[in-house]
Structures are given as C-alpha cells and as structure tokens.
C-alpha cells in the first residue's frame, strides 16, 4: 500500500534533484576546498549519499548564521 508520504516524495523527486543540481552548481562556483571537505565529511559521518543531502549551509558567524543541513531521512520512513 502506497502512503501519502510515498506519493508526495515520489512526485517531489524531480524538483528535489533540480534544486540540488542548482545548489551544487552554486557551491562549485562559490565554494572552495574547505566547503567540499566539510560536505564530504558530513556525508561520511552521517552515512548519507548525495541523493539524501538536499542542502548544506557552511555559514558560521557569531550571533548571526549557524551551520545547518537539510537531508532526507529515508531509513526511518
């Protein structure tokens, strides 16, 4: 039986992949080795691959922006 969550996620996959492609292009254009190493470390430590990581922000300014990530938790769904 297909749940509403499954239907929604399957309908959103093309949009998620497009957003990830655009974000990767921006990261490649603006980011450097530091961001790439952090990105790879997050994937390795969390046991995720590129399809599960939607967005990662490396901004780290005191009293302003904190680093965060948005990921798909497919293992518990």
Protein backbone atom coordinates (compact mmCIF):
# COMPACT_ATOMS: atom_id res chain seq x y z
CA UNK A 1 0.00 0.00 0.00
CA UNK A 2 1.39 3.37 -1.02
CA UNK A 3 1.12 6.06 1.62
CA UNK A 4 0.53 9.74 1.03
CA UNK A 5 4.12 10.40 2.12
CA UNK A 6 5.44 7.99 -0.54
CA UNK A 7 3.30 9.59 -3.24
CA UNK A 8 4.41 13.08 -2.21
CA UNK A 9 8.10 12.14 -2.11
CA UNK A 10 7.93 10.45 -5.48
CA UNK A 11 6.19 13.48 -7.01
CA UNK A 12 8.80 15.82 -5.48
CA UNK A 13 11.89 13.84 -6.64
CA UNK A 14 12.34 15.77 -9.94
CA UNK A 15 12.07 19.10 -8.10
CA UNK A 16 14.48 17.97 -5.37
CA UNK A 17 17.02 16.80 -7.95
CA UNK A 18 16.75 20.08 -9.88
CA UNK A 19 17.22 22.14 -6.70
CA UNK A 20 20.18 20.01 -5.69
CA UNK A 21 21.76 20.47 -9.13
CA UNK A 22 21.40 24.24 -8.90
CA UNK A 23 22.78 24.27 -5.35
CA UNK A 24 25.73 22.11 -6.38
CA UNK A 25 26.50 24.48 -9.25
CA UNK A 26 26.40 27.45 -6.87
CA UNK A 27 28.58 25.61 -4.37
CA UNK A 28 31.07 24.70 -7.10
CA UNK A 29 31.17 28.31 -8.31
CA UNK A 30 31.44 29.95 -4.87
CA UNK A 31 32.77 27.23 -2.59
CA UNK A 32 36.26 26.04 -2.25
CA UNK A 33 38.19 23.14 -0.87
CA UNK A 34 37.08 23.90 2.70
CA UNK A 35 33.38 23.57 1.84
CA UNK A 36 33.95 20.48 -0.28
CA UNK A 37 35.85 18.74 2.53
CA UNK A 38 33.11 19.63 5.03
CA UNK A 39 30.44 18.37 2.64
CA UNK A 40 32.25 15.06 2.17
CA UNK A 41 32.79 14.74 5.94
CA UNK A 42 29.06 15.27 6.60
CA UNK A 43 28.17 12.57 4.07
CA UNK A 44 30.67 10.13 5.55
CA UNK A 45 29.78 10.73 9.22
CA UNK A 46 26.02 10.63 8.59
CA UNK A 47 26.28 7.64 6.27
CA UNK A 48 24.42 9.51 3.51
CA UNK A 49 24.92 9.85 -0.19
CA UNK A 50 24.30 12.83 -2.48
CA UNK A 51 20.67 11.86 -3.07
CA UNK A 52 19.84 12.29 0.63
CA UNK A 53 21.58 15.61 1.26
CA UNK A 54 19.34 18.40 -0.01
CA UNK A 55 21.19 21.49 1.27
CA UNK A 56 24.16 22.31 3.48
CA UNK A 57 24.99 25.80 4.77
CA UNK A 58 28.54 26.37 6.00
CA UNK A 59 27.91 29.92 7.18
CA UNK A 60 29.26 30.31 10.71
CA UNK A 61 29.10 33.84 12.08
CA UNK A 62 28.81 34.59 15.77
CA UNK A 63 25.33 35.78 16.75
CA UNK A 64 24.18 35.56 13.14
CA UNK A 65 24.19 32.44 10.97
CA UNK A 66 24.89 28.94 12.20
CA UNK A 67 25.82 25.96 10.02
CA UNK A 68 22.92 23.64 9.18
CA UNK A 69 21.84 20.99 6.71
CA UNK A 70 18.62 19.68 5.19
CA UNK A 71 18.53 15.97 4.47
CA UNK A 72 16.05 13.27 3.56
CA UNK A 73 15.67 10.62 6.27
CA UNK A 74 14.75 7.65 4.11
CA UNK A 75 15.88 4.95 6.54
CA UNK A 76 13.26 5.66 9.20
CA UNK A 77 10.36 6.26 6.80
